[in-house]
Amino acid sequence: MRKIMLQVSDLHAYYGKSHVLQGVDLYVGEGEIVSLLGRNGVGRSTTVKAIMGQVEHTGDINFQNQSLSGLESHAIARKGLGYVPENRDIFPSLTVRQNLLLGLKSGKQQSRWSEDDMYVLFPRLKERLHAPAGVLSGGEQQMLTLCRTLMGNPELVMIDEPTEGLAPKIVEQMAVLFGEISKRGVSILLVEQKLTIALRISQRLYVMGHGHIVFEGSPDDLQADESVRKEWLEV
């Protein structure tokens, strides 16, 4: 049994009068890759934003046996929870290297990741090291955002739709990187729409529908459950 890193219980969130999250329960174990699947609009992104303190919510969110309730996003990040948003949030006028170094946290804790690691994982970033981040392609910006988050040495990283709109070759690079992150003991909560990628790299999967979890299980379990795939995933 893996040590539980993140435990979410009875999570509710609202946008105005819209009840978006309706009692979400999930957990992520140490070094585990867990995918959160579902169609657009069911609450997957809202779930990770609530965990990160960016959406008002009720319920219990515990990370490494510490409650995150009431904490600001920067305080949550300092506890070791990384977040890669769907919109990437790079600083376009800063260089690639300057963006990367913004991910570093103060303190003497030894990081799993060095700047050189980022260039080994994604050689394209080294080639564009001194270029303004705003001139990078969408795939390169996604690499940069993910690497910047890793530079902060998170224990768990939440990644929202990382492969959206990317070329197949970049998607494949992302899948390899997720495996490397997991090998180094870092947990991943992955919000993803590409079922093939999620099935290949995840140890467990959750499927969301209308603001709550409708399925939890292994990739084999989901592949065997045609009714869940048809009702909640297939277009």
C-alpha atoms as a PDB file:
ATOM      1  CA  MET A   1       0.000   0.000   0.000  1.00  0.00           C
ATOM      2  CA  ARG A   2       1.445   3.346  -1.076  1.00  0.00           C
ATOM      3  CA  LYS A   3       1.675   6.205   1.376  1.00  0.00           C
ATOM      4  CA  ILE A   4      -1.205   8.602   0.672  1.00  0.00           C
ATOM      5  CA  MET A   5       0.106  12.013  -0.359  1.00  0.00           C
ATOM      6  CA  LEU A   6      -3.151  13.789  -1.212  1.00  0.00           C
ATOM      7  CA  GLN A   7      -6.584  12.988   0.201  1.00  0.00           C
ATOM      8  CA  VAL A   8      -9.679  14.886  -0.963  1.00  0.00           C
ATOM      9  CA  SER A   9     -12.984  14.225   0.803  1.00  0.00           C
ATOM     10  CA  ASP A  10     -16.487  15.586   0.099  1.00  0.00           C
ATOM     11  CA  LEU A  11     -15.194  18.491  -1.987  1.00  0.00           C
ATOM     12  CA  HIS A  12     -17.844  21.009  -3.092  1.00  0.00           C
ATOM     13  CA  ALA A  13     -17.299  24.160  -5.138  1.00  0.00           C
ATOM     14  CA  TYR A  14     -19.554  26.787  -6.666  1.00  0.00           C
ATOM     15  CA  TYR A  15     -19.329  29.419  -9.402  1.00  0.00           C
ATOM     16  CA  GLY A  16     -22.064  31.824  -8.409  1.00  0.00           C
ATOM     17  CA  LYS A  17     -25.205  29.712  -8.092  1.00  0.00           C
ATOM     18  CA  SER A  18     -23.739  26.864 -10.139  1.00  0.00           C
ATOM     19  CA  HIS A  19     -22.844  23.857  -7.950  1.00  0.00           C
ATOM     20  CA  VAL A  20     -19.798  22.640  -9.907  1.00  0.00           C
ATOM     21  CA  LEU A  21     -18.234  20.074  -7.543  1.00  0.00           C
ATOM     22  CA  GLN A  22     -20.729  17.903  -5.709  1.00  0.00           C
ATOM     23  CA  GLY A  23     -18.836  15.851  -3.164  1.00  0.00           C
ATOM     24  CA  VAL A  24     -15.611  14.778  -4.893  1.00  0.00           C
ATOM     25  CA  ASP A  25     -13.533  12.086  -3.168  1.00  0.00           C
ATOM     26  CA  LEU A  26     -10.114  11.042  -4.446  1.00  0.00           C
ATOM     27  CA  TYR A  27      -6.583  10.275  -3.305  1.00  0.00           C
ATOM     28  CA  VAL A  28      -3.098  10.070  -4.797  1.00  0.00           C
ATOM     29  CA  GLY A  29      -0.374   7.809  -3.425  1.00  0.00           C
ATOM     30  CA  GLU A  30       3.373   8.426  -3.235  1.00  0.00           C
ATOM     31  CA  GLY A  31       5.013   8.241  -6.664  1.00  0.00           C
ATOM     32  CA  GLU A  32       1.676   7.359  -8.236  1.00  0.00           C
ATOM     33  CA  ILE A  33       0.303   8.669 -11.530  1.00  0.00           C
ATOM     34  CA  VAL A  34      -3.446   9.172 -11.209  1.00  0.00           C
ATOM     35  CA  SER A  35      -5.528  10.505 -14.112  1.00  0.00           C
ATOM     36  CA  LEU A  36      -8.750  12.463 -13.748  1.00  0.00           C
ATOM     37  CA  LEU A  37     -10.824  11.898 -16.873  1.00  0.00           C
ATOM     38  CA  GLY A  38     -14.117  13.227 -18.158  1.00  0.00           C
ATOM     39  CA  ARG A  39     -15.705  15.456 -20.748  1.00  0.00           C
ATOM     40  CA  ASN A  40     -15.251  19.216 -20.768  1.00  0.00           C
ATOM     41  CA  GLY A  41     -17.293  21.047 -18.167  1.00  0.00           C
ATOM     42  CA  VAL A  42     -17.678  18.237 -15.624  1.00  0.00           C
ATOM     43  CA  GLY A  43     -15.407  19.843 -13.012  1.00  0.00           C
ATOM     44  CA  ARG A  44     -11.952  18.346 -13.527  1.00  0.00           C
ATOM     45  CA  SER A  45     -10.105  21.668 -13.745  1.00  0.00           C
ATOM     46  CA  THR A  46     -12.194  23.084 -10.920  1.00  0.00           C
ATOM     47  CA  THR A  47     -11.086  20.158  -8.762  1.00  0.00           C
ATOM     48  CA  VAL A  48      -7.372  20.911  -9.133  1.00  0.00           C
ATOM     49  CA  LYS A  49      -7.971  24.662  -8.783  1.00  0.00           C
ATOM     50  CA  ALA A  50      -9.857  24.037  -5.528  1.00  0.00           C
ATOM     51  CA  ILE A  51      -7.019  21.843  -4.232  1.00  0.00           C
ATOM     52  CA  MET A  52      -4.603  24.665  -5.114  1.00  0.00           C
ATOM     53  CA  GLY A  53      -6.680  27.228  -3.230  1.00  0.00           C
ATOM     54  CA  GLN A  54      -7.820  29.087  -6.337  1.00  0.00           C
ATOM     55  CA  VAL A  55     -11.537  28.329  -6.000  1.00  0.00           C
ATOM     56  CA  GLU A  56     -13.706  28.720  -2.916  1.00  0.00           C
ATOM     57  CA  HIS A  57     -14.775  25.339  -1.674  1.00  0.00           C
ATOM     58  CA  THR A  58     -15.945  23.220   1.226  1.00  0.00           C
ATOM     59  CA  GLY A  59     -14.732  19.760   2.210  1.00  0.00           C
ATOM     60  CA  ASP A  60     -11.424  18.314   3.389  1.00  0.00           C
ATOM     61  CA  ILE A  61      -8.153  18.539   1.464  1.00  0.00           C
ATOM     62  CA  ASN A  62      -5.141  16.968   3.169  1.00  0.00           C
ATOM     63  CA  PHE A  63      -1.638  16.903   1.749  1.00  0.00           C
ATOM     64  CA  GLN A  64       0.965  14.816   3.581  1.00  0.00           C
ATOM     65  CA  ASN A  65      -1.389  14.693   6.588  1.00  0.00           C
ATOM     66  CA  GLN A  66      -1.725  18.481   6.729  1.00  0.00           C
ATOM     67  CA  SER A  67      -4.962  20.331   6.012  1.00  0.00           C
ATOM     68  CA  LEU A  68      -4.806  22.821   3.148  1.00  0.00           C
ATOM     69  CA  SER A  69      -8.097  24.464   4.113  1.00  0.00           C
ATOM     70  CA  GLY A  70      -7.932  28.244   4.163  1.00  0.00           C
ATOM     71  CA  LEU A  71      -4.391  28.468   2.793  1.00  0.00           C
ATOM     72  CA  GLU A  72      -3.385  30.798  -0.039  1.00  0.00           C
ATOM     73  CA  SER A  73      -2.028  29.250  -3.246  1.00  0.00           C
ATOM     74  CA  HIS A  74       1.567  30.335  -2.549  1.00  0.00           C
ATOM     75  CA  ALA A  75       1.447  28.691   0.902  1.00  0.00           C
ATOM     76  CA  ILE A  76       0.105  25.476  -0.628  1.00  0.00           C
ATOM     77  CA  ALA A  77       2.922  25.499  -3.192  1.00  0.00           C
ATOM     78  CA  ARG A  78       5.509  25.881  -0.426  1.00  0.00           C
ATOM     79  CA  LYS A  79       4.188  22.708   1.194  1.00  0.00           C
ATOM     80  CA  GLY A  80       5.327  20.799  -1.908  1.00  0.00           C
ATOM     81  CA  LEU A  81       2.279  20.823  -4.156  1.00  0.00           C
ATOM     82  CA  GLY A  82       3.026  21.846  -7.758  1.00  0.00           C
ATOM     83  CA  TYR A  83       0.451  23.005 -10.294  1.00  0.00           C
ATOM     84  CA  VAL A  84       0.725  23.269 -14.077  1.00  0.00           C
ATOM     85  CA  PRO A  85      -2.356  25.169 -15.297  1.00  0.00           C
ATOM     86  CA  GLU A  86      -4.026  24.595 -18.631  1.00  0.00           C
ATOM     87  CA  ASN A  87      -3.233  28.154 -19.810  1.00  0.00           C
ATOM     88  CA  ARG A  88       0.514  27.627 -19.070  1.00  0.00           C
ATOM     89  CA  ASP A  89       1.109  31.064 -17.449  1.00  0.00           C
ATOM     90  CA  ILE A  90       4.582  31.675 -18.849  1.00  0.00           C
ATOM     91  CA  PHE A  91       6.131  35.143 -18.719  1.00  0.00           C
ATOM     92  CA  PRO A  92       6.433  35.972 -22.438  1.00  0.00           C
ATOM     93  CA  SER A  93       8.939  38.832 -22.169  1.00  0.00           C
ATOM     94  CA  LEU A  94      11.366  36.839 -19.989  1.00  0.00           C
ATOM     95  CA  THR A  95      13.789  34.351 -21.496  1.00  0.00           C
ATOM     96  CA  VAL A  96      13.337  30.603 -21.259  1.00  0.00           C
ATOM     97  CA  ARG A  97      16.043  30.412 -18.589  1.00  0.00           C
ATOM     98  CA  GLN A  98      14.555  33.275 -16.569  1.00  0.00           C
ATOM     99  CA  ASN A  99      11.176  31.539 -16.605  1.00  0.00           C
ATOM    100  CA  LEU A 100      12.801  28.311 -15.422  1.00  0.00           C
ATOM    101  CA  LEU A 101      14.652  29.993 -12.556  1.00  0.00           C
ATOM    102  CA  LEU A 102      11.412  31.591 -11.337  1.00  0.00           C
ATOM    103  CA  GLY A 103      10.388  28.079 -10.273  1.00  0.00           C
ATOM    104  CA  LEU A 104      13.180  27.814  -7.701  1.00  0.00           C
ATOM    105  CA  LYS A 105      12.209  28.078  -4.045  1.00  0.00           C
ATOM    106  CA  SER A 106      14.383  29.654  -1.398  1.00  0.00           C
ATOM    107  CA  GLY A 107      15.915  27.374   1.209  1.00  0.00           C
ATOM    108  CA  LYS A 108      18.618  24.743   1.406  1.00  0.00           C
ATOM    109  CA  GLN A 109      16.518  21.662   0.668  1.00  0.00           C
ATOM    110  CA  GLN A 110      18.172  19.478  -1.958  1.00  0.00           C
ATOM    111  CA  SER A 111      16.028  19.298  -5.090  1.00  0.00           C
ATOM    112  CA  ARG A 112      15.396  16.173  -7.146  1.00  0.00           C
ATOM    113  CA  TRP A 113      15.774  18.319 -10.246  1.00  0.00           C
ATOM    114  CA  SER A 114      18.541  20.543 -11.559  1.00  0.00           C
ATOM    115  CA  GLU A 115      18.459  23.050 -14.371  1.00  0.00           C
ATOM    116  CA  ASP A 116      20.570  20.651 -16.445  1.00  0.00           C
ATOM    117  CA  ASP A 117      17.968  17.906 -15.904  1.00  0.00           C
ATOM    118  CA  MET A 118      15.431  20.086 -17.678  1.00  0.00           C
ATOM    119  CA  TYR A 119      17.663  20.405 -20.727  1.00  0.00           C
ATOM    120  CA  VAL A 120      18.295  16.658 -20.831  1.00  0.00           C
ATOM    121  CA  LEU A 121      14.557  15.967 -20.672  1.00  0.00           C
ATOM    122  CA  PHE A 122      13.737  18.648 -23.243  1.00  0.00           C
ATOM    123  CA  PRO A 123      16.790  19.566 -25.371  1.00  0.00           C
ATOM    124  CA  ARG A 124      14.643  22.058 -27.276  1.00  0.00           C
ATOM    125  CA  LEU A 125      14.539  24.295 -24.194  1.00  0.00           C
ATOM    126  CA  LYS A 126      18.339  24.461 -24.135  1.00  0.00           C
ATOM    127  CA  GLU A 127      18.349  25.476 -27.781  1.00  0.00           C
ATOM    128  CA  ARG A 128      15.948  28.335 -26.971  1.00  0.00           C
ATOM    129  CA  LEU A 129      17.569  29.219 -23.638  1.00  0.00           C
ATOM    130  CA  HIS A 130      17.966  32.947 -24.259  1.00  0.00           C
ATOM    131  CA  ALA A 131      14.884  33.432 -26.428  1.00  0.00           C
ATOM    132  CA  PRO A 132      11.827  35.258 -25.039  1.00  0.00           C
ATOM    133  CA  ALA A 133       9.366  32.618 -23.849  1.00  0.00           C
ATOM    134  CA  GLY A 134       6.611  34.336 -25.813  1.00  0.00           C
ATOM    135  CA  VAL A 135       8.094  33.202 -29.142  1.00  0.00           C
ATOM    136  CA  LEU A 136       7.995  29.496 -28.209  1.00  0.00           C
ATOM    137  CA  SER A 137       5.469  27.166 -29.796  1.00  0.00           C
ATOM    138  CA  GLY A 138       2.557  25.878 -27.720  1.00  0.00           C
ATOM    139  CA  GLY A 139       4.344  22.582 -27.102  1.00  0.00           C
ATOM    140  CA  GLU A 140       7.546  24.327 -26.059  1.00  0.00           C
ATOM    141  CA  GLN A 141       5.612  26.589 -23.690  1.00  0.00           C
ATOM    142  CA  GLN A 142       3.993  23.503 -22.148  1.00  0.00           C
ATOM    143  CA  MET A 143       7.437  21.956 -21.624  1.00  0.00           C
ATOM    144  CA  LEU A 144       8.680  25.175 -20.060  1.00  0.00           C
ATOM    145  CA  THR A 145       5.760  25.449 -17.642  1.00  0.00           C
ATOM    146  CA  LEU A 146       6.146  21.846 -16.528  1.00  0.00           C
ATOM    147  CA  CYS A 147       9.914  22.194 -16.088  1.00  0.00           C
ATOM    148  CA  ARG A 148       9.501  25.452 -14.160  1.00  0.00           C
ATOM    149  CA  THR A 149       7.165  23.645 -11.755  1.00  0.00           C
ATOM    150  CA  LEU A 150       9.643  20.788 -11.307  1.00  0.00           C
ATOM    151  CA  MET A 151      12.389  23.293 -10.446  1.00  0.00           C
ATOM    152  CA  GLY A 152      10.372  24.053  -7.308  1.00  0.00           C
ATOM    153  CA  ASN A 153      10.917  20.438  -6.162  1.00  0.00           C
ATOM    154  CA  PRO A 154       7.268  19.435  -5.608  1.00  0.00           C
ATOM    155  CA  GLU A 155       6.296  16.205  -3.877  1.00  0.00           C
ATOM    156  CA  LEU A 156       3.138  16.044  -5.989  1.00  0.00           C
ATOM    157  CA  VAL A 157       2.346  17.891  -9.201  1.00  0.00           C
ATOM    158  CA  MET A 158      -1.130  18.511 -10.648  1.00  0.00           C
ATOM    159  CA  ILE A 159      -1.082  18.926 -14.433  1.00  0.00           C
ATOM    160  CA  ASP A 160      -4.157  20.270 -16.233  1.00  0.00           C
ATOM    161  CA  GLU A 161      -4.655  19.159 -19.867  1.00  0.00           C
ATOM    162  CA  PRO A 162      -0.929  19.076 -20.769  1.00  0.00           C
ATOM    163  CA  THR A 163      -1.369  17.459 -24.184  1.00  0.00           C
ATOM    164  CA  GLU A 164      -4.221  19.657 -25.439  1.00  0.00           C
ATOM    165  CA  GLY A 165      -3.465  20.873 -28.968  1.00  0.00           C
ATOM    166  CA  LEU A 166       0.045  19.419 -29.076  1.00  0.00           C
ATOM    167  CA  ALA A 167       1.661  17.472 -31.909  1.00  0.00           C
ATOM    168  CA  PRO A 168       1.900  13.678 -31.403  1.00  0.00           C
ATOM    169  CA  LYS A 169       5.693  13.834 -31.035  1.00  0.00           C
ATOM    170  CA  ILE A 170       5.425  16.340 -28.167  1.00  0.00           C
ATOM    171  CA  VAL A 171       2.640  14.289 -26.561  1.00  0.00           C
ATOM    172  CA  GLU A 172       4.977  11.287 -26.603  1.00  0.00           C
ATOM    173  CA  GLN A 173       7.735  13.343 -24.957  1.00  0.00           C
ATOM    174  CA  MET A 174       5.271  14.386 -22.255  1.00  0.00           C
ATOM    175  CA  ALA A 175       4.340  10.757 -21.568  1.00  0.00           C
ATOM    176  CA  VAL A 176       8.020   9.836 -21.172  1.00  0.00           C
ATOM    177  CA  LEU A 177       8.550  12.785 -18.814  1.00  0.00           C
ATOM    178  CA  PHE A 178       5.595  11.795 -16.646  1.00  0.00           C
ATOM    179  CA  GLY A 179       7.143   8.364 -16.234  1.00  0.00           C
ATOM    180  CA  GLU A 180      10.479   9.928 -15.236  1.00  0.00           C
ATOM    181  CA  ILE A 181       8.760  12.204 -12.707  1.00  0.00           C
ATOM    182  CA  SER A 182       7.057   9.201 -11.130  1.00  0.00           C
ATOM    183  CA  LYS A 183      10.341   7.214 -11.024  1.00  0.00           C
ATOM    184  CA  ARG A 184      11.847   9.999  -8.909  1.00  0.00           C
ATOM    185  CA  GLY A 185       9.116   9.549  -6.320  1.00  0.00           C
ATOM    186  CA  VAL A 186       6.980  12.517  -7.328  1.00  0.00           C
ATOM    187  CA  SER A 187       3.224  11.901  -7.471  1.00  0.00           C
ATOM    188  CA  ILE A 188       1.127  13.152 -10.395  1.00  0.00           C
ATOM    189  CA  LEU A 189      -2.545  14.065 -10.595  1.00  0.00           C
ATOM    190  CA  LEU A 190      -3.174  14.391 -14.318  1.00  0.00           C
ATOM    191  CA  VAL A 191      -6.261  16.046 -15.809  1.00  0.00           C
ATOM    192  CA  GLU A 192      -6.408  14.567 -19.283  1.00  0.00           C
ATOM    193  CA  GLN A 193      -8.786  13.948 -22.173  1.00  0.00           C
ATOM    194  CA  LYS A 194      -6.616  11.610 -24.225  1.00  0.00           C
ATOM    195  CA  LEU A 195      -7.725   8.225 -22.968  1.00  0.00           C
ATOM    196  CA  THR A 196      -4.890   6.348 -24.709  1.00  0.00           C
ATOM    197  CA  ILE A 197      -2.201   8.324 -22.838  1.00  0.00           C
ATOM    198  CA  ALA A 198      -4.011   8.066 -19.497  1.00  0.00           C
ATOM    199  CA  LEU A 199      -4.498   4.315 -19.822  1.00  0.00           C
ATOM    200  CA  ARG A 200      -0.845   3.815 -20.709  1.00  0.00           C
ATOM    201  CA  ILE A 201       0.868   5.791 -17.957  1.00  0.00           C
ATOM    202  CA  SER A 202      -1.557   5.767 -14.989  1.00  0.00           C
ATOM    203  CA  GLN A 203      -1.663   3.376 -12.068  1.00  0.00           C
ATOM    204  CA  ARG A 204      -5.252   4.440 -11.297  1.00  0.00           C
ATOM    205  CA  LEU A 205      -7.922   6.544 -12.956  1.00  0.00           C
ATOM    206  CA  TYR A 206     -10.942   8.520 -11.880  1.00  0.00           C
ATOM    207  CA  VAL A 207     -13.762   9.485 -14.222  1.00  0.00           C
ATOM    208  CA  MET A 208     -15.843  12.573 -13.425  1.00  0.00           C
ATOM    209  CA  GLY A 209     -19.377  13.266 -14.519  1.00  0.00           C
ATOM    210  CA  HIS A 210     -21.493  16.260 -13.514  1.00  0.00           C
ATOM    211  CA  GLY A 211     -19.299  17.301 -10.598  1.00  0.00           C
ATOM    212  CA  HIS A 212     -18.682  13.966  -8.907  1.00  0.00           C
ATOM    213  CA  ILE A 213     -16.636  10.795  -9.366  1.00  0.00           C
ATOM    214  CA  VAL A 214     -18.458   8.104 -11.349  1.00  0.00           C
ATOM    215  CA  PHE A 215     -15.583   5.601 -11.662  1.00  0.00           C
ATOM    216  CA  GLU A 216     -12.377   4.683  -9.862  1.00  0.00           C
ATOM    217  CA  GLY A 217     -10.107   1.855 -10.873  1.00  0.00           C
ATOM    218  CA  SER A 218      -7.090   0.608 -12.794  1.00  0.00           C
ATOM    219  CA  PRO A 219      -6.554   1.053 -16.546  1.00  0.00           C
ATOM    220  CA  ASP A 220      -7.601  -2.578 -17.007  1.00  0.00           C
ATOM    221  CA  ASP A 221     -10.791  -1.931 -15.017  1.00  0.00           C
ATOM    222  CA  LEU A 222     -11.703   1.025 -17.233  1.00  0.00           C
ATOM    223  CA  GLN A 223     -10.933  -0.822 -20.446  1.00  0.00           C
ATOM    224  CA  ALA A 224     -13.244  -3.606 -19.260  1.00  0.00           C
ATOM    225  CA  ASP A 225     -16.080  -1.220 -18.342  1.00  0.00           C
ATOM    226  CA  GLU A 226     -17.632  -0.308 -21.673  1.00  0.00           C
ATOM    227  CA  SER A 227     -20.684   1.302 -20.067  1.00  0.00           C
ATOM    228  CA  VAL A 228     -18.592   3.883 -18.190  1.00  0.00           C
ATOM    229  CA  ARG A 229     -16.571   4.731 -21.294  1.00  0.00           C
ATOM    230  CA  LYS A 230     -19.680   5.149 -23.437  1.00  0.00           C
ATOM    231  CA  GLU A 231     -21.673   7.200 -20.928  1.00  0.00           C
ATOM    232  CA  TRP A 232     -18.943   9.465 -19.523  1.00  0.00           C
ATOM    233  CA  LEU A 233     -16.004   9.591 -21.943  1.00  0.00           C
ATOM    234  CA  GLU A 234     -16.872   8.914 -25.567  1.00  0.00           C
ATOM    235  CA  VAL A 235     -18.184  11.745 -27.730  1.00  0.00           C
END
